[in-house]
Protein backbone atom coordinates (compact mmCIF):
# COMPACT_ATOMS: atom_id res chain seq x y z
CA MET A 1 65.99 78.41 100.88
CA SER A 2 67.46 75.83 102.57
CA ALA A 3 71.43 75.27 103.26
CA LEU A 4 72.04 72.17 101.19
CA ILE A 5 75.96 70.83 101.43
CA PHE A 6 77.44 68.08 99.71
CA SER A 7 77.30 64.58 100.76
CA ASN A 8 79.79 61.34 100.91
CA ARG A 9 76.90 59.26 99.79
CA SER A 10 78.27 57.41 96.45
CA GLY A 11 74.65 56.43 94.77
CA ASN A 12 74.19 53.99 92.15
CA LYS A 13 76.77 53.77 89.35
CA ASP A 14 74.66 51.08 87.68
CA VAL A 15 71.44 53.35 87.73
CA ALA A 16 72.97 56.76 87.03
CA GLY A 17 74.80 54.90 83.80
CA MET A 18 76.97 57.15 81.27
CA ILE A 19 75.61 60.67 80.98
CA PRO A 20 77.89 62.83 79.25
CA PHE A 21 77.98 66.68 79.70
CA ILE A 22 77.89 67.08 75.79
CA SER A 23 76.66 64.94 73.07
CA VAL A 24 77.82 66.16 69.56
CA LYS A 25 74.74 65.55 67.21
CA THR A 26 75.41 66.19 63.22
CA PRO A 27 73.63 65.34 60.49
CA SER A 28 74.69 61.86 59.00
CA CYS A 29 77.48 61.77 56.00
CA LEU A 30 75.42 59.56 54.45
CA THR A 31 72.82 62.32 53.80
CA LEU A 32 75.19 64.54 52.99
CA MET A 33 76.34 62.26 50.01
CA ASP A 34 74.42 63.89 47.19
CA SER A 35 74.71 67.40 48.76
CA PHE A 36 79.03 66.75 48.67
CA LEU A 37 78.81 65.20 45.13
CA GLU A 38 77.17 68.49 43.90
CA ILE A 39 79.80 70.82 45.59
CA GLU A 40 82.78 68.30 44.08
CA GLN A 41 81.09 68.45 40.29
CA MET A 42 80.60 72.23 40.39
CA GLY A 43 83.84 72.76 42.06
CA ILE A 44 83.24 75.50 43.90
CA HIS A 45 84.15 75.05 47.25
CA SER A 46 84.62 78.40 49.18
CA ASN A 47 84.05 82.24 48.08
CA TYR A 48 80.10 82.31 48.89
CA GLY A 49 79.37 79.56 47.24
CA PRO A 50 75.94 78.53 45.83
CA LYS A 51 75.51 76.55 49.39
CA ASN A 52 76.51 79.61 51.16
CA THR A 53 74.10 81.82 49.56
CA LEU A 54 71.09 79.26 49.99
CA PHE A 55 71.54 79.10 53.70
CA GLU A 56 71.98 82.72 54.35
CA ASP A 57 68.61 82.90 52.13
CA ARG A 58 66.89 80.08 53.66
CA LEU A 59 67.75 80.94 57.06
CA GLN A 60 67.27 84.65 56.99
CA GLY A 61 62.92 83.13 55.49
CA LEU A 62 62.50 80.68 57.98
CA TYR A 63 64.19 82.30 61.19
CA PHE A 64 64.34 86.34 60.79
CA GLY A 65 61.05 86.22 58.87
CA GLY A 66 62.76 87.28 55.62
CA GLN A 67 64.14 90.21 57.55
CA GLY A 68 67.23 91.68 57.14
CA SER A 69 70.59 89.49 55.91
CA CYS A 70 72.50 86.75 56.59
CA LEU A 71 76.25 85.98 56.10
CA THR A 72 78.18 83.10 56.71
CA VAL A 73 81.77 83.15 58.58
CA CYS A 74 83.84 80.23 59.33
CA ASN A 75 83.44 80.50 63.10
CA ALA A 76 81.81 82.64 65.95
CA THR A 77 84.84 84.55 67.20
CA ILE A 78 86.07 85.42 63.41
CA GLY A 79 82.45 86.67 63.14
CA LEU A 80 82.99 89.15 66.25
CA MET A 81 86.02 90.41 65.05
CA ILE A 82 84.97 91.60 61.92
CA ALA A 83 81.60 92.81 63.02
CA MET A 84 83.43 94.73 66.14
CA LYS A 85 85.83 96.09 63.38
CA MET A 86 82.70 97.74 61.02
CA ALA A 87 80.65 98.79 64.20
CA GLY A 88 82.99 101.22 65.95
CA ARG A 89 82.02 104.88 65.21
CA ARG A 90 85.68 106.47 65.84
CA ARG A 91 88.35 104.81 63.51
CA THR A 92 89.93 107.46 62.79
CA CYS A 93 89.56 110.06 66.05
CA SER A 94 92.22 110.85 68.96
CA VAL A 95 90.81 109.09 71.62
CA SER A 96 93.84 107.60 73.17
CA GLN A 97 92.05 104.08 74.13
CA ARG A 98 88.79 102.48 72.89
CA TYR A 99 86.77 100.48 74.90
CA ALA A 100 84.78 97.69 74.78
CA LEU A 101 82.03 97.52 77.02
CA MET A 102 80.88 93.93 77.59
CA PRO A 103 79.61 91.82 80.90
CA ALA A 104 82.31 89.51 82.86
CA PHE A 105 80.22 86.74 82.85
CA THR A 106 81.01 85.37 78.94
CA PHE A 107 83.04 83.26 77.06
CA ALA A 108 86.79 84.54 76.32
CA ALA A 109 85.84 84.93 72.46
CA ALA A 110 84.22 87.90 73.05
CA ALA A 111 87.12 89.60 74.49
CA HIS A 112 89.69 88.40 72.54
CA ALA A 113 87.84 89.78 69.46
CA ALA A 114 87.69 92.97 70.74
CA ILE A 115 91.56 93.08 71.74
CA TRP A 116 92.08 92.00 68.14
CA ALA A 117 89.61 94.63 66.81
CA GLY A 118 91.88 97.13 69.06
CA TYR A 119 89.50 97.85 71.70
CA THR A 120 90.26 97.25 75.79
CA PRO A 121 87.30 95.00 77.09
CA LEU A 122 85.64 96.88 80.28
CA PHE A 123 83.52 94.44 81.96
CA CYS A 124 80.90 94.94 83.73
CA ASP A 125 78.74 93.58 86.03
CA ILE A 126 75.36 91.33 85.29
CA ASP A 127 72.01 91.06 86.74
CA PRO A 128 71.50 88.37 89.67
CA ALA A 129 68.05 87.24 87.45
CA THR A 130 68.79 86.85 83.70
CA TRP A 131 72.65 86.44 84.15
CA ALA A 132 73.39 89.29 81.47
CA ALA A 133 74.54 92.68 81.34
CA CYS A 134 73.05 94.63 84.43
CA PRO A 135 71.54 97.85 82.89
CA VAL A 136 72.38 99.87 86.37
CA SER A 137 76.41 98.77 86.12
CA GLU A 138 76.22 99.60 82.62
CA ARG A 139 75.04 102.89 83.20
CA ARG A 140 77.55 103.39 85.61
CA MET A 141 80.63 102.28 83.67
CA ILE A 142 78.99 104.48 80.32
CA GLU A 143 79.26 107.75 83.25
CA LYS A 144 82.44 107.05 84.05
CA TYR A 145 84.18 106.51 80.39
CA GLY A 146 82.06 108.71 78.35
CA ASP A 147 82.79 108.89 75.19
CA SER A 148 86.10 106.39 75.07
CA ILE A 149 83.44 103.79 74.89
CA ASP A 150 83.26 103.18 71.56
CA LEU A 151 81.58 99.72 71.59
CA ILE A 152 78.84 97.92 73.46
CA VAL A 153 78.81 93.86 73.37
CA PRO A 154 75.90 92.52 75.35
CA TYR A 155 75.81 88.60 75.75
CA ALA A 156 72.90 86.56 75.31
CA THR A 157 73.20 84.38 78.03
CA PHE A 158 73.16 80.36 77.55
CA GLY A 159 71.01 81.24 74.28
CA ASN A 160 68.51 83.37 76.35
CA SER A 161 67.04 86.09 75.05
CA ILE A 162 68.31 90.14 76.20
CA ASP A 163 66.26 93.44 75.62
CA LEU A 164 67.49 94.45 72.49
CA ALA A 165 65.35 97.74 72.55
CA HIS A 166 67.49 98.98 75.48
CA TYR A 167 70.84 98.08 73.23
CA ALA A 168 69.03 100.55 70.64
CA ALA A 169 68.61 102.93 72.65
CA LEU A 170 72.13 103.37 74.02
CA HIS A 171 73.28 103.63 70.49
CA GLU A 172 71.16 106.35 70.27
CA GLU A 173 72.48 107.73 73.28
CA THR A 174 75.92 107.29 73.04
CA GLY A 175 76.87 106.91 69.70
CA ALA A 176 78.42 104.03 70.36
CA GLY A 177 78.47 100.67 68.17
CA ILE A 178 76.13 97.29 69.18
CA VAL A 179 77.65 93.85 68.50
CA VAL A 180 75.04 91.21 69.97
CA ASP A 181 77.06 87.98 70.93
CA ALA A 182 74.45 85.44 70.52
CA ALA A 183 76.58 82.16 70.60
CA ALA A 184 74.25 80.17 71.64
CA SER A 185 71.18 81.54 70.60
CA LEU A 186 69.89 80.08 67.37
CA GLY A 187 66.78 78.46 67.61
CA ALA A 188 66.08 80.98 70.23
CA LEU A 189 62.51 82.59 69.99
CA ASP A 190 61.67 85.96 71.21
CA GLU A 191 58.67 87.65 73.23
CA ASN A 192 56.82 87.84 70.08
CA GLY A 193 57.51 84.05 68.94
CA ILE A 194 60.15 84.86 65.88
CA GLY A 195 63.97 84.41 65.73
CA PHE A 196 65.92 86.05 67.99
CA GLY A 197 67.35 89.39 66.61
CA SER A 198 64.58 89.43 64.31
CA GLY A 199 64.36 92.99 62.67
CA PHE A 200 67.51 94.31 64.99
CA ALA A 201 69.53 96.91 63.04
CA HIS A 202 73.14 96.02 64.13
CA PRO A 203 75.13 92.67 63.92
CA ILE A 204 74.25 89.36 65.97
CA VAL A 205 77.17 86.71 66.04
CA PHE A 206 75.61 83.11 66.50
CA SER A 207 77.90 79.87 66.51
CA MET A 208 77.16 76.89 65.08
CA HIS A 209 80.13 75.00 66.66
CA ALA A 210 79.18 71.17 67.01
CA THR A 211 78.34 71.73 70.56
CA LYS A 212 75.27 74.22 69.63
CA THR A 213 71.92 74.12 69.59
CA PHE A 214 72.71 74.64 65.63
CA GLY A 215 75.61 72.40 65.62
CA ILE A 216 77.26 71.77 62.28
CA GLY A 217 80.87 71.49 63.14
CA GLU A 218 82.66 74.72 62.90
CA GLY A 219 80.62 77.46 61.36
CA GLY A 220 78.97 80.76 62.44
CA VAL A 221 76.12 83.11 61.29
CA ILE A 222 76.03 87.22 61.02
CA TYR A 223 72.22 88.58 61.13
CA SER A 224 71.58 92.27 60.70
CA GLY A 225 68.49 93.70 60.02
CA ASN A 226 69.72 96.26 58.15
CA PRO A 227 71.54 94.57 54.84
CA ASP A 228 73.97 97.51 54.06
CA HIS A 229 75.72 95.96 57.33
CA ILE A 230 75.87 92.63 56.11
CA ALA A 231 76.97 93.74 52.67
CA VAL A 232 80.15 95.46 54.36
CA LEU A 233 80.70 92.55 56.79
CA ARG A 234 80.79 90.50 53.09
CA VAL A 235 83.45 92.69 51.76
CA MET A 236 85.45 92.65 55.54
CA GLY A 237 85.20 88.66 55.44
CA ASN A 238 87.03 88.28 51.80
CA PHE A 239 90.06 90.27 52.56
CA GLY A 240 88.32 93.75 52.52
CA PHE A 241 88.30 93.75 48.50
CA GLY A 242 85.78 96.10 47.83
CA GLU A 243 86.90 96.09 44.23
CA PRO A 244 88.43 93.05 42.47
CA ARG A 245 91.59 91.74 44.06
CA THR A 246 92.05 95.44 45.54
CA ALA A 247 91.46 95.70 49.66
CA THR A 248 89.35 99.10 50.31
CA ILE A 249 88.44 98.26 53.74
CA PRO A 250 90.03 96.66 56.43
CA GLY A 251 89.62 92.74 56.05
CA LEU A 252 90.76 89.15 56.64
CA ASN A 253 89.42 86.06 55.78
CA SER A 254 85.93 84.81 57.30
CA LYS A 255 84.19 82.65 54.36
CA MET A 256 82.72 79.10 55.24
CA THR A 257 83.58 76.30 52.89
CA GLU A 258 80.60 74.53 51.00
CA PHE A 259 80.76 71.75 52.76
CA SER A 260 80.22 73.54 56.15
CA ALA A 261 77.07 75.38 54.51
CA ALA A 262 75.76 72.20 53.36
CA ILE A 263 75.59 70.45 56.62
CA ALA A 264 74.19 74.04 57.65
CA LEU A 265 71.34 73.38 55.15
CA ALA A 266 70.60 69.97 56.88
CA CYS A 267 70.72 71.43 59.72
CA LEU A 268 67.92 73.79 59.01
CA THR A 269 65.25 70.79 58.31
CA THR A 270 65.47 69.88 62.08
CA MET A 271 65.87 73.26 63.50
CA GLU A 272 62.61 73.61 65.09
CA ASP A 273 62.43 69.70 66.11
CA VAL A 274 65.86 70.30 67.93
CA ALA A 275 65.69 73.11 69.85
CA THR A 276 61.74 71.83 70.58
CA ARG A 277 63.28 69.00 72.04
CA ARG A 278 65.36 70.16 74.20
CA SER A 279 63.64 73.07 75.32
CA ALA A 280 61.25 70.12 76.57
CA LEU A 281 64.03 68.59 78.31
CA ALA A 282 64.36 71.71 79.90
CA ASP A 283 61.13 71.88 81.38
CA CYS A 284 61.51 68.57 82.74
CA TYR A 285 64.89 70.14 84.70
CA PHE A 286 62.55 72.85 86.40
CA ARG A 287 60.19 70.32 87.36
CA THR A 288 62.45 67.92 88.71
CA LEU A 289 65.53 69.76 90.33
CA PRO A 290 65.78 70.19 94.20
CA ILE A 291 63.80 73.81 94.45
CA ASP A 292 67.15 74.84 96.80
CA PHE A 293 68.69 75.56 92.87
CA GLU A 294 68.65 79.00 91.29
CA MET A 295 67.81 79.25 87.80
CA GLN A 296 68.15 81.52 85.19
CA LYS A 297 65.23 83.19 85.08
CA PRO A 298 63.88 83.06 81.42
CA ARG A 299 63.33 85.83 78.73
CA GLY A 300 61.40 85.25 75.21
CA HIS A 301 59.26 82.94 74.09
CA ARG A 302 61.61 79.97 73.74
CA ARG A 303 65.51 79.27 75.21
CA SER A 304 68.22 77.83 72.83
CA TYR A 305 69.92 75.34 75.11
CA GLN A 306 73.23 74.07 75.21
CA PHE A 307 73.24 72.83 78.56
CA MET A 308 71.64 73.31 81.48
CA PRO A 309 73.23 75.90 83.99
CA VAL A 310 71.73 76.18 87.46
CA LEU A 311 73.38 78.33 90.38
CA LEU A 312 74.43 75.47 93.86
CA PRO A 313 72.66 76.56 97.14
CA GLU A 314 75.46 78.85 99.03
CA GLY A 315 77.74 76.71 100.83
CA CYS A 316 78.05 73.99 98.20
CA CYS A 317 81.69 73.04 97.13
CA ARG A 318 81.14 72.99 93.38
CA ASN A 319 84.17 70.53 92.65
CA ALA A 320 83.06 68.03 95.26
CA VAL A 321 79.43 67.87 93.71
CA ARG A 322 81.03 67.54 90.12
CA GLU A 323 83.59 65.18 90.95
CA GLN A 324 80.47 62.86 92.97
CA LEU A 325 78.59 62.97 89.79
CA SER A 326 81.44 62.32 88.04
CA SER A 327 82.04 59.09 89.70
CA GLN A 328 78.18 57.90 88.87
CA GLY A 329 79.21 58.77 85.08
CA ILE A 330 77.31 61.96 85.00
CA GLY A 331 79.38 64.83 83.08
CA THR A 332 79.45 68.49 84.33
CA GLY A 333 80.39 71.73 83.05
CA ALA A 334 80.88 75.10 85.02
CA TYR A 335 80.66 77.81 82.52
CA PHE A 336 81.82 80.74 82.93
CA SER A 337 84.04 80.35 85.78
CA PRO A 338 86.74 81.59 86.03
CA HIS A 339 84.71 84.98 84.98
CA LEU A 340 86.95 86.79 82.14
CA MET A 341 88.83 89.35 85.04
CA GLU A 342 89.82 86.40 86.77
CA GLN A 343 91.53 85.14 83.45
CA PRO A 344 95.41 86.58 83.59
CA TYR A 345 95.61 87.36 80.39
CA PHE A 346 92.44 89.97 80.55
CA SER A 347 92.77 90.46 83.94
CA GLY A 348 96.28 92.05 83.26
CA LEU A 349 94.72 94.45 79.79
CA CYS A 350 91.51 95.12 80.82
CA GLU A 351 89.08 97.15 83.13
CA ALA A 352 85.98 96.13 85.07
CA ASP A 353 83.33 97.99 87.34
CA ASP A 354 82.47 96.15 90.81
CA LEU A 355 81.73 92.66 90.29
CA THR A 356 79.96 91.54 93.37
CA VAL A 357 77.12 89.47 90.77
CA THR A 358 79.71 88.27 88.67
CA GLU A 359 81.96 86.54 91.23
CA ASN A 360 78.81 84.87 93.00
CA VAL A 361 77.12 83.27 89.92
CA SER A 362 80.22 82.59 88.60
CA ARG A 363 81.63 80.78 91.68
CA ARG A 364 78.06 78.42 91.83
CA VAL A 365 77.59 77.90 88.49
CA MET A 366 76.91 74.40 87.21
CA SER A 367 76.08 73.29 83.67
CA LEU A 368 73.71 69.92 83.68
CA PRO A 369 74.01 67.48 80.91
CA LEU A 370 71.09 68.85 77.93
CA TRP A 371 71.82 67.47 74.65
CA THR A 372 69.47 66.23 71.72
CA ASP A 373 69.48 62.71 72.04
CA MET A 374 69.08 63.01 76.19
CA THR A 375 65.69 61.19 77.66
CA MET A 376 63.32 62.76 80.20
CA GLU A 377 64.67 59.63 82.15
CA MET A 378 68.05 60.83 81.85
CA VAL A 379 67.38 64.10 83.20
CA GLY A 380 65.51 62.38 86.34
CA THR A 381 68.78 60.57 86.85
CA VAL A 382 70.60 63.26 87.30
CA CYS A 383 68.06 65.97 89.19
CA GLN A 384 67.96 62.30 91.77
CA ALA A 385 71.91 62.29 91.80
CA LEU A 386 72.18 65.63 92.73
CA GLU A 387 69.60 65.27 95.92
CA ASN A 388 71.65 62.56 96.71
CA VAL A 389 74.98 64.43 97.09
CA LEU A 390 73.12 67.16 98.57
CA VAL A 391 72.18 66.82 102.32
CA PRO A 392 70.95 69.46 104.98
CA ALA A 393 73.76 70.91 106.66
CA SER A 394 72.83 70.11 110.03
CA MET A 395 73.82 66.25 108.62
CA SER A 396 77.43 67.20 107.22
CA ARG A 397 80.43 70.28 106.83
CA VAL A 398 82.44 70.64 103.92
CA ALA A 399 85.10 73.77 103.76
CA ALA A 400 84.21 76.37 101.47
């Protein structure tokens, strides 16, 4: 790999135009009017109403091949909270501290949910190719912390599939509960070409935030190949009411409104087209980006792209690159930087393995625009702008 660093060349602002980092596209209000009127006339606005039930059933059939069950939630963070609470294996045991093992390279919601559910997050390192939890680091932490690891929370990084068989085996070996954080993965297809997670017995939590491939505004869905798990989570999400108006298990309010479910039903009709379109844009990035960029190794038949993550070459100043692209009307992000163990609240509460790979990836990662109505020409503009601001190291120098 040739060394590349930041250049002060400004580029052509008129050519670049305005390319926002994320451009939200949800169903038009006009197309939803009939569904909203049905809700108004029926008078059922929440409590797992008919729109929610219809969406759960259709998603299970269309995406998960009719296997298992789905549960809507008001947002994925709440979904993680109840799933983690349910999955713990020793709620009444005498272990003084219970840990939730997860990668440090993920969104804050996972760690917050673990803390709210009564765990101490225990951060492992990530694999340098897939950017998902590193099996070697996981093993190191399991050997060190033993039975005090009550929960394992893998992250399907940036909508990429992960090896779920590995986590089924870890569950059998350790007895620890498994909850998969698949926030950006709704629309991803596994190596068999079916919806990511289909048939997996443990809870998988998907986000339907407006910025995701399957975006409705706010919302989420929990899937499990074991319908009994979803039945328990449905009770937990309704204040733990296992009997009428009577709490029998831990609970909170995770219910999604009927209006949100109506939007989700509309999104189902375009789900395949949107995921395919975004995959085509990603392929264009793969073909056009300078070879000096490192990319996340894909897994499965299709990823679900929220944006296009890349690693800048060693020696680049990310802030300078982002500022230069911004001056040309191109928005970018830096997910996930800082990583969780660099964030003050978590660093004061949590424990971690050696995070050498996490630190390297987090320092270099940059997220490029990738949204449904983006054009191939826009992808070309972004790639050309990157080439224009990166020059051989022999021509210029920049402080790290």
